[in-house]
Amino acid sequence: MPTPPATAAPPPRPATPADLEALLALEKICFEFNRMGRRSFRRLLERPSAHILVIDGPDGGLAASAVLLSRRGTRGVRVYSLATHPDRRGQGLAKAMMRAALDHARATGHQWLSLEVHPQNDAARALYHRLGFHQTSVEEDYYADGSHAFRLRRYVDQDLTAGKPGARHGAS
């Protein structure tokens, strides 16, 4: 008998302190190293410069999360973390989360999103490319496993239909 299609996920919403345990559980299942702990999540949930988005899963846990960071006086928002539950990958949740991150950056007056991605995370790299991110640098010995990271950026006002997904808009 064919597997029924997954139900559509609810849209991303801002995390609250009540999501702490679910955030920790998602972090544990998604990452082998460079995990955020309880103290880090608690601080981020209280910090005005941090914005954590979550997508609720059908089982009461979280299907996905994104941690967005900004600093006063900067024009960009950093996507510090993006996690999708392994059972929910390939269902468009990461794309929905990145679109919500772009909306957040735009709504808060920021000009771009930046992030780092592991060179072996082909699915994430392909998603970011499709969403118009371009590489700005390579950070050596970035991850706990000694791997480097590709630093990527995407301008929030960028028009992907113009055929120039790597075009820069505004000053850096």
N, C-alpha and C. Protein backbone atom coordinates (compact mmCIF):
# COMPACT_ATOMS: atom_id res chain seq x y z
N MET A 1 0.85 -1.17 0.00
CA MET A 1 0.00 0.00 0.00
C MET A 1 0.90 1.24 0.00
N PRO A 2 0.63 2.22 -0.87
CA PRO A 2 1.49 3.41 -0.92
C PRO A 2 1.42 4.22 0.36
N THR A 3 2.54 4.86 0.67
CA THR A 3 2.61 5.73 1.85
C THR A 3 1.82 7.00 1.57
N PRO A 4 0.94 7.38 2.49
CA PRO A 4 0.19 8.62 2.26
C PRO A 4 1.13 9.81 2.29
N PRO A 5 0.82 10.85 1.50
CA PRO A 5 1.69 12.02 1.50
C PRO A 5 1.68 12.69 2.87
N ALA A 6 2.83 13.29 3.20
CA ALA A 6 2.93 14.00 4.48
C ALA A 6 1.97 15.18 4.48
N THR A 7 1.41 15.44 5.62
CA THR A 7 0.52 16.59 5.72
C THR A 7 1.36 17.85 5.65
N ALA A 8 0.76 18.90 5.14
CA ALA A 8 1.47 20.16 5.03
C ALA A 8 1.84 20.65 6.43
N ALA A 9 3.07 21.11 6.54
CA ALA A 9 3.54 21.61 7.82
C ALA A 9 2.96 22.99 8.08
N PRO A 10 2.76 23.32 9.34
CA PRO A 10 2.33 24.68 9.64
C PRO A 10 3.46 25.65 9.29
N PRO A 11 3.15 26.92 9.12
CA PRO A 11 4.20 27.88 8.78
C PRO A 11 5.14 28.10 9.96
N PRO A 12 6.34 28.61 9.68
CA PRO A 12 7.26 28.94 10.78
C PRO A 12 6.63 29.96 11.72
N ARG A 13 6.95 29.81 13.00
CA ARG A 13 6.49 30.74 14.02
C ARG A 13 7.67 31.07 14.93
N PRO A 14 7.60 32.19 15.65
CA PRO A 14 8.66 32.50 16.61
C PRO A 14 8.66 31.48 17.75
N ALA A 15 9.84 31.04 18.15
CA ALA A 15 9.96 30.12 19.29
C ALA A 15 9.70 30.88 20.58
N THR A 16 9.28 30.15 21.59
CA THR A 16 9.06 30.70 22.92
C THR A 16 9.86 29.86 23.92
N PRO A 17 10.02 30.32 25.15
CA PRO A 17 10.71 29.49 26.14
C PRO A 17 10.08 28.11 26.31
N ALA A 18 8.80 27.97 26.04
CA ALA A 18 8.14 26.66 26.14
C ALA A 18 8.68 25.66 25.11
N ASP A 19 9.38 26.15 24.09
CA ASP A 19 9.95 25.28 23.05
C ASP A 19 11.34 24.77 23.39
N LEU A 20 11.89 25.15 24.55
CA LEU A 20 13.28 24.83 24.87
C LEU A 20 13.59 23.34 24.76
N GLU A 21 12.81 22.49 25.38
CA GLU A 21 13.09 21.04 25.36
C GLU A 21 13.02 20.49 23.93
N ALA A 22 12.04 20.95 23.17
CA ALA A 22 11.90 20.48 21.78
C ALA A 22 13.07 20.98 20.92
N LEU A 23 13.55 22.20 21.17
CA LEU A 23 14.72 22.70 20.44
C LEU A 23 15.95 21.84 20.75
N LEU A 24 16.14 21.50 22.01
CA LEU A 24 17.28 20.65 22.39
C LEU A 24 17.17 19.27 21.76
N ALA A 25 15.98 18.71 21.72
CA ALA A 25 15.78 17.38 21.11
C ALA A 25 16.08 17.43 19.61
N LEU A 26 15.61 18.47 18.94
CA LEU A 26 15.87 18.61 17.50
C LEU A 26 17.37 18.79 17.25
N GLU A 27 18.02 19.60 18.06
CA GLU A 27 19.46 19.83 17.93
C GLU A 27 20.22 18.51 18.06
N LYS A 28 19.82 17.71 19.03
CA LYS A 28 20.51 16.43 19.29
C LYS A 28 20.36 15.46 18.12
N ILE A 29 19.18 15.41 17.53
CA ILE A 29 18.95 14.47 16.44
C ILE A 29 19.54 14.94 15.11
N CYS A 30 19.74 16.25 14.97
CA CYS A 30 20.20 16.80 13.69
C CYS A 30 21.72 16.97 13.59
N PHE A 31 22.39 17.19 14.70
CA PHE A 31 23.81 17.54 14.64
C PHE A 31 24.66 16.60 15.48
N GLU A 32 25.78 16.17 14.90
CA GLU A 32 26.73 15.32 15.62
C GLU A 32 27.69 16.16 16.44
N PHE A 33 28.01 17.35 15.96
CA PHE A 33 28.94 18.23 16.65
C PHE A 33 28.46 19.67 16.50
N ASN A 34 29.09 20.56 17.23
CA ASN A 34 28.71 21.99 17.22
C ASN A 34 27.25 22.19 17.63
N ARG A 35 26.77 21.37 18.55
CA ARG A 35 25.39 21.50 19.04
C ARG A 35 25.28 22.66 20.01
N MET A 36 24.12 23.30 19.98
CA MET A 36 23.82 24.32 20.98
C MET A 36 23.22 23.63 22.20
N GLY A 37 23.58 24.11 23.36
CA GLY A 37 23.08 23.54 24.60
C GLY A 37 21.95 24.36 25.20
N ARG A 38 21.48 23.88 26.33
CA ARG A 38 20.37 24.50 27.05
C ARG A 38 20.65 25.97 27.36
N ARG A 39 21.83 26.25 27.89
CA ARG A 39 22.18 27.62 28.27
C ARG A 39 22.16 28.55 27.05
N SER A 40 22.72 28.08 25.94
CA SER A 40 22.75 28.90 24.72
C SER A 40 21.34 29.20 24.22
N PHE A 41 20.50 28.17 24.16
CA PHE A 41 19.13 28.40 23.70
C PHE A 41 18.38 29.34 24.64
N ARG A 42 18.56 29.16 25.95
CA ARG A 42 17.88 30.05 26.90
C ARG A 42 18.26 31.50 26.66
N ARG A 43 19.57 31.74 26.51
CA ARG A 43 20.03 33.11 26.27
C ARG A 43 19.47 33.66 24.97
N LEU A 44 19.48 32.84 23.92
CA LEU A 44 19.00 33.31 22.62
C LEU A 44 17.49 33.59 22.65
N LEU A 45 16.75 32.80 23.37
CA LEU A 45 15.31 33.03 23.48
C LEU A 45 14.99 34.35 24.17
N GLU A 46 15.92 34.85 24.98
CA GLU A 46 15.71 36.10 25.71
C GLU A 46 16.35 37.30 25.03
N ARG A 47 17.27 37.08 24.14
CA ARG A 47 18.06 38.15 23.54
C ARG A 47 17.29 38.83 22.40
N PRO A 48 17.17 40.16 22.42
CA PRO A 48 16.46 40.87 21.35
C PRO A 48 17.15 40.75 19.99
N SER A 49 18.45 40.49 19.99
CA SER A 49 19.18 40.38 18.73
C SER A 49 19.08 38.98 18.11
N ALA A 50 18.40 38.08 18.78
CA ALA A 50 18.21 36.72 18.26
C ALA A 50 16.73 36.50 17.96
N HIS A 51 16.49 35.75 16.91
CA HIS A 51 15.13 35.41 16.51
C HIS A 51 15.16 33.94 16.15
N ILE A 52 14.43 33.12 16.89
CA ILE A 52 14.39 31.68 16.62
C ILE A 52 13.03 31.36 16.04
N LEU A 53 13.05 30.72 14.89
CA LEU A 53 11.82 30.29 14.22
C LEU A 53 11.71 28.77 14.35
N VAL A 54 10.50 28.28 14.46
CA VAL A 54 10.26 26.84 14.53
C VAL A 54 9.07 26.47 13.66
N ILE A 55 9.07 25.23 13.23
CA ILE A 55 7.91 24.63 12.56
C ILE A 55 7.51 23.43 13.41
N ASP A 56 6.28 23.41 13.85
CA ASP A 56 5.79 22.33 14.68
C ASP A 56 5.65 21.05 13.87
N GLY A 57 6.01 19.94 14.51
CA GLY A 57 5.87 18.63 13.89
C GLY A 57 4.53 18.02 14.25
N PRO A 58 4.14 16.97 13.56
CA PRO A 58 2.83 16.35 13.82
C PRO A 58 2.78 15.60 15.15
N ASP A 59 3.94 15.29 15.71
CA ASP A 59 4.00 14.49 16.93
C ASP A 59 4.15 15.32 18.21
N GLY A 60 4.04 16.63 18.09
CA GLY A 60 4.21 17.49 19.25
C GLY A 60 5.63 18.01 19.40
N GLY A 61 6.58 17.44 18.67
CA GLY A 61 7.95 17.94 18.66
C GLY A 61 8.09 19.00 17.59
N LEU A 62 9.33 19.32 17.27
CA LEU A 62 9.59 20.30 16.22
C LEU A 62 10.05 19.59 14.95
N ALA A 63 9.55 20.05 13.82
CA ALA A 63 9.97 19.53 12.52
C ALA A 63 11.19 20.29 12.01
N ALA A 64 11.32 21.57 12.39
CA ALA A 64 12.44 22.38 11.91
C ALA A 64 12.63 23.59 12.82
N SER A 65 13.85 24.13 12.78
CA SER A 65 14.15 25.36 13.52
C SER A 65 15.21 26.15 12.77
N ALA A 66 15.22 27.44 13.03
CA ALA A 66 16.26 28.32 12.49
C ALA A 66 16.58 29.37 13.55
N VAL A 67 17.87 29.60 13.73
CA VAL A 67 18.34 30.62 14.66
C VAL A 67 18.92 31.76 13.83
N LEU A 68 18.35 32.94 13.99
CA LEU A 68 18.78 34.13 13.26
C LEU A 68 19.39 35.11 14.26
N LEU A 69 20.54 35.66 13.90
CA LEU A 69 21.23 36.60 14.78
C LEU A 69 21.51 37.90 14.05
N SER A 70 21.41 39.00 14.78
CA SER A 70 21.77 40.29 14.20
C SER A 70 22.50 41.10 15.27
N ARG A 71 23.20 42.10 14.81
CA ARG A 71 23.89 43.03 15.72
C ARG A 71 23.44 44.43 15.39
N ARG A 72 23.34 45.23 16.42
CA ARG A 72 22.98 46.62 16.23
C ARG A 72 24.03 47.28 15.32
N GLY A 73 23.56 48.04 14.36
CA GLY A 73 24.46 48.75 13.47
C GLY A 73 24.92 47.96 12.26
N THR A 74 24.52 46.69 12.14
CA THR A 74 24.88 45.92 10.96
C THR A 74 23.69 45.85 10.02
N ARG A 75 23.98 45.56 8.79
CA ARG A 75 22.92 45.51 7.77
C ARG A 75 22.49 44.10 7.42
N GLY A 76 23.08 43.11 8.09
CA GLY A 76 22.76 41.72 7.77
C GLY A 76 22.25 40.94 8.96
N VAL A 77 21.60 39.84 8.63
CA VAL A 77 21.14 38.86 9.62
C VAL A 77 21.88 37.57 9.30
N ARG A 78 22.41 36.95 10.34
CA ARG A 78 23.14 35.69 10.16
C ARG A 78 22.22 34.53 10.50
N VAL A 79 22.13 33.59 9.59
CA VAL A 79 21.43 32.34 9.87
C VAL A 79 22.45 31.46 10.59
N TYR A 80 22.36 31.44 11.90
CA TYR A 80 23.34 30.73 12.73
C TYR A 80 23.13 29.22 12.67
N SER A 81 21.88 28.82 12.58
CA SER A 81 21.57 27.39 12.56
C SER A 81 20.27 27.16 11.81
N LEU A 82 20.23 26.07 11.07
CA LEU A 82 19.02 25.62 10.39
C LEU A 82 18.96 24.11 10.58
N ALA A 83 17.91 23.63 11.21
CA ALA A 83 17.77 22.20 11.50
C ALA A 83 16.43 21.70 11.01
N THR A 84 16.45 20.56 10.32
CA THR A 84 15.22 19.90 9.88
C THR A 84 15.28 18.46 10.38
N HIS A 85 14.24 18.04 11.06
CA HIS A 85 14.19 16.67 11.57
C HIS A 85 14.44 15.69 10.42
N PRO A 86 15.28 14.68 10.62
CA PRO A 86 15.59 13.74 9.53
C PRO A 86 14.35 13.10 8.89
N ASP A 87 13.31 12.85 9.66
CA ASP A 87 12.09 12.25 9.11
C ASP A 87 11.28 13.23 8.26
N ARG A 88 11.61 14.51 8.30
CA ARG A 88 10.85 15.53 7.58
C ARG A 88 11.65 16.18 6.46
N ARG A 89 12.86 15.71 6.22
CA ARG A 89 13.68 16.30 5.16
C ARG A 89 13.08 16.00 3.80
N GLY A 90 13.30 16.91 2.86
CA GLY A 90 12.78 16.74 1.51
C GLY A 90 11.33 17.17 1.37
N GLN A 91 10.77 17.82 2.37
CA GLN A 91 9.37 18.25 2.35
C GLN A 91 9.22 19.76 2.25
N GLY A 92 10.31 20.46 1.99
CA GLY A 92 10.23 21.91 1.80
C GLY A 92 10.30 22.73 3.07
N LEU A 93 10.59 22.10 4.21
CA LEU A 93 10.62 22.83 5.47
C LEU A 93 11.80 23.81 5.53
N ALA A 94 12.97 23.38 5.07
CA ALA A 94 14.14 24.27 5.09
C ALA A 94 13.90 25.47 4.17
N LYS A 95 13.28 25.22 3.05
CA LYS A 95 12.97 26.32 2.13
C LYS A 95 11.99 27.29 2.78
N ALA A 96 10.96 26.77 3.44
CA ALA A 96 10.00 27.62 4.13
C ALA A 96 10.69 28.43 5.22
N MET A 97 11.61 27.80 5.92
CA MET A 97 12.33 28.48 6.99
C MET A 97 13.21 29.59 6.43
N MET A 98 13.88 29.33 5.31
CA MET A 98 14.74 30.35 4.72
C MET A 98 13.91 31.51 4.16
N ARG A 99 12.76 31.22 3.62
CA ARG A 99 11.88 32.30 3.15
C ARG A 99 11.40 33.15 4.34
N ALA A 100 11.10 32.49 5.46
CA ALA A 100 10.71 33.23 6.66
C ALA A 100 11.88 34.06 7.19
N ALA A 101 13.09 33.54 7.07
CA ALA A 101 14.28 34.29 7.49
C ALA A 101 14.46 35.53 6.62
N LEU A 102 14.25 35.38 5.32
CA LEU A 102 14.32 36.54 4.41
C LEU A 102 13.24 37.56 4.77
N ASP A 103 12.04 37.09 5.05
CA ASP A 103 10.95 38.00 5.45
C ASP A 103 11.31 38.74 6.73
N HIS A 104 11.90 38.03 7.68
CA HIS A 104 12.30 38.65 8.94
C HIS A 104 13.37 39.72 8.70
N ALA A 105 14.37 39.39 7.89
CA ALA A 105 15.44 40.36 7.59
C ALA A 105 14.85 41.60 6.93
N ARG A 106 13.97 41.39 5.98
CA ARG A 106 13.34 42.51 5.27
C ARG A 106 12.52 43.36 6.24
N ALA A 107 11.72 42.71 7.09
CA ALA A 107 10.84 43.41 8.03
C ALA A 107 11.62 44.19 9.08
N THR A 108 12.82 43.76 9.39
CA THR A 108 13.63 44.44 10.40
C THR A 108 14.61 45.42 9.78
N GLY A 109 14.49 45.66 8.46
CA GLY A 109 15.32 46.66 7.80
C GLY A 109 16.72 46.21 7.45
N HIS A 110 16.97 44.91 7.47
CA HIS A 110 18.29 44.40 7.10
C HIS A 110 18.37 44.19 5.60
N GLN A 111 19.59 44.20 5.08
CA GLN A 111 19.79 44.11 3.64
C GLN A 111 20.14 42.71 3.15
N TRP A 112 20.68 41.87 4.00
CA TRP A 112 21.07 40.55 3.54
C TRP A 112 20.99 39.51 4.64
N LEU A 113 21.02 38.25 4.21
CA LEU A 113 21.20 37.10 5.08
C LEU A 113 22.56 36.52 4.78
N SER A 114 23.26 36.07 5.80
CA SER A 114 24.52 35.35 5.60
C SER A 114 24.47 34.08 6.42
N LEU A 115 25.29 33.11 6.04
CA LEU A 115 25.34 31.83 6.73
C LEU A 115 26.62 31.11 6.37
N GLU A 116 26.91 30.06 7.13
CA GLU A 116 28.02 29.17 6.82
C GLU A 116 27.44 27.79 6.57
N VAL A 117 28.05 27.06 5.64
CA VAL A 117 27.56 25.72 5.33
C VAL A 117 28.76 24.78 5.19
N HIS A 118 28.58 23.58 5.69
CA HIS A 118 29.61 22.54 5.62
C HIS A 118 29.77 22.11 4.16
N PRO A 119 31.00 21.92 3.69
CA PRO A 119 31.21 21.57 2.28
C PRO A 119 30.59 20.23 1.88
N GLN A 120 30.31 19.35 2.84
CA GLN A 120 29.72 18.06 2.50
C GLN A 120 28.19 18.06 2.60
N ASN A 121 27.60 19.18 2.96
CA ASN A 121 26.14 19.26 3.08
C ASN A 121 25.57 19.67 1.71
N ASP A 122 25.57 18.72 0.80
CA ASP A 122 25.15 18.99 -0.57
C ASP A 122 23.71 19.46 -0.68
N ALA A 123 22.81 18.89 0.11
CA ALA A 123 21.40 19.29 0.04
C ALA A 123 21.23 20.76 0.44
N ALA A 124 21.89 21.16 1.53
CA ALA A 124 21.78 22.55 1.97
C ALA A 124 22.43 23.49 0.95
N ARG A 125 23.58 23.11 0.44
CA ARG A 125 24.25 23.97 -0.54
C ARG A 125 23.39 24.16 -1.78
N ALA A 126 22.73 23.09 -2.24
CA ALA A 126 21.86 23.19 -3.40
C ALA A 126 20.66 24.10 -3.11
N LEU A 127 20.07 23.96 -1.92
CA LEU A 127 18.95 24.82 -1.54
C LEU A 127 19.38 26.28 -1.53
N TYR A 128 20.49 26.57 -0.89
CA TYR A 128 20.95 27.96 -0.80
C TYR A 128 21.23 28.53 -2.18
N HIS A 129 21.79 27.73 -3.06
CA HIS A 129 22.04 28.19 -4.43
C HIS A 129 20.72 28.52 -5.13
N ARG A 130 19.74 27.62 -4.99
CA ARG A 130 18.43 27.86 -5.62
C ARG A 130 17.77 29.12 -5.07
N LEU A 131 18.04 29.44 -3.82
CA LEU A 131 17.45 30.62 -3.20
C LEU A 131 18.26 31.89 -3.44
N GLY A 132 19.32 31.78 -4.25
CA GLY A 132 20.06 32.97 -4.65
C GLY A 132 21.25 33.34 -3.78
N PHE A 133 21.68 32.47 -2.89
CA PHE A 133 22.87 32.75 -2.10
C PHE A 133 24.12 32.56 -2.96
N HIS A 134 25.14 33.34 -2.67
CA HIS A 134 26.41 33.19 -3.36
C HIS A 134 27.53 33.16 -2.33
N GLN A 135 28.61 32.49 -2.67
CA GLN A 135 29.73 32.35 -1.75
C GLN A 135 30.52 33.64 -1.68
N THR A 136 30.84 34.04 -0.45
CA THR A 136 31.64 35.25 -0.26
C THR A 136 33.03 34.94 0.27
N SER A 137 33.20 33.79 0.95
CA SER A 137 34.52 33.42 1.47
C SER A 137 34.51 31.97 1.91
N VAL A 138 35.70 31.49 2.26
CA VAL A 138 35.87 30.16 2.85
C VAL A 138 36.51 30.37 4.21
N GLU A 139 35.90 29.79 5.23
CA GLU A 139 36.43 29.90 6.59
C GLU A 139 37.15 28.59 6.92
N GLU A 140 38.46 28.65 7.06
CA GLU A 140 39.27 27.46 7.32
C GLU A 140 39.05 26.94 8.75
N ASP A 141 39.12 25.62 8.91
CA ASP A 141 39.06 24.97 10.22
C ASP A 141 37.88 25.50 11.04
N TYR A 142 36.73 25.57 10.43
CA TYR A 142 35.56 26.22 11.03
C TYR A 142 34.79 25.29 11.96
N TYR A 143 34.56 24.06 11.52
CA TYR A 143 33.74 23.11 12.27
C TYR A 143 34.59 22.26 13.20
N ALA A 144 33.94 21.66 14.20
CA ALA A 144 34.64 20.85 15.19
C ALA A 144 35.37 19.67 14.57
N ASP A 145 34.94 19.23 13.40
CA ASP A 145 35.63 18.12 12.73
C ASP A 145 36.83 18.60 11.92
N GLY A 146 37.14 19.90 12.00
CA GLY A 146 38.28 20.46 11.28
C GLY A 146 37.96 20.92 9.86
N SER A 147 36.73 20.70 9.42
CA SER A 147 36.34 21.10 8.07
C SER A 147 36.23 22.61 7.95
N HIS A 148 36.43 23.08 6.74
CA HIS A 148 36.19 24.50 6.48
C HIS A 148 34.68 24.71 6.25
N ALA A 149 34.31 25.94 6.12
CA ALA A 149 32.91 26.30 5.84
C ALA A 149 32.88 27.27 4.68
N PHE A 150 31.86 27.16 3.88
CA PHE A 150 31.61 28.16 2.85
C PHE A 150 30.71 29.22 3.48
N ARG A 151 31.12 30.47 3.40
CA ARG A 151 30.27 31.58 3.88
C ARG A 151 29.49 32.08 2.67
N LEU A 152 28.17 32.18 2.83
CA LEU A 152 27.27 32.57 1.76
C LEU A 152 26.48 33.81 2.16
N ARG A 153 25.99 34.51 1.14
CA ARG A 153 25.18 35.71 1.39
C ARG A 153 24.10 35.80 0.31
N ARG A 154 22.97 36.37 0.73
CA ARG A 154 21.89 36.66 -0.20
C ARG A 154 21.24 37.97 0.22
N TYR A 155 21.08 38.87 -0.73
CA TYR A 155 20.44 40.15 -0.45
C TYR A 155 18.93 39.97 -0.44
N VAL A 156 18.25 40.62 0.49
CA VAL A 156 16.81 40.40 0.65
C VAL A 156 16.01 41.00 -0.49
N ASP A 157 16.52 42.04 -1.14
CA ASP A 157 15.77 42.65 -2.24
C ASP A 157 16.14 42.07 -3.59
N GLN A 158 16.89 41.01 -3.59
CA GLN A 158 17.36 40.37 -4.82
C GLN A 158 16.20 39.75 -5.59
N ASP A 159 16.18 39.99 -6.87
CA ASP A 159 15.13 39.46 -7.74
C ASP A 159 15.68 38.25 -8.47
N LEU A 160 15.23 37.07 -8.09
CA LEU A 160 15.71 35.85 -8.74
C LEU A 160 15.22 35.71 -10.17
N THR A 161 14.16 36.41 -10.52
CA THR A 161 13.64 36.30 -11.88
C THR A 161 14.49 37.08 -12.87
N ALA A 162 15.38 37.93 -12.37
CA ALA A 162 16.24 38.72 -13.26
C ALA A 162 17.37 37.89 -13.85
N GLY A 163 17.49 36.64 -13.39
CA GLY A 163 18.53 35.77 -13.94
C GLY A 163 19.91 36.05 -13.40
N LYS A 164 19.99 36.80 -12.33
CA LYS A 164 21.28 37.12 -11.74
C LYS A 164 21.25 36.81 -10.24
N PRO A 165 21.17 35.52 -9.88
CA PRO A 165 21.05 35.19 -8.46
C PRO A 165 22.25 35.60 -7.64
N GLY A 166 23.38 35.87 -8.24
CA GLY A 166 24.56 36.28 -7.48
C GLY A 166 24.78 37.76 -7.49
N ALA A 167 23.88 38.52 -8.11
CA ALA A 167 24.06 39.96 -8.20
C ALA A 167 24.01 40.60 -6.83
N ARG A 168 24.82 41.63 -6.65
CA ARG A 168 24.83 42.34 -5.38
C ARG A 168 23.89 43.53 -5.48
N HIS A 169 23.18 43.75 -4.42
CA HIS A 169 22.28 44.90 -4.35
C HIS A 169 22.65 45.68 -3.11
N GLY A 170 23.05 46.89 -3.27
CA GLY A 170 23.45 47.71 -2.14
C GLY A 170 24.91 47.51 -1.81
N ALA A 171 25.38 48.25 -0.84
CA ALA A 171 26.78 48.17 -0.45
C ALA A 171 27.01 47.04 0.51
N SER A 172 28.21 46.54 0.55
CA SER A 172 28.56 45.45 1.48
C SER A 172 28.91 46.01 2.83
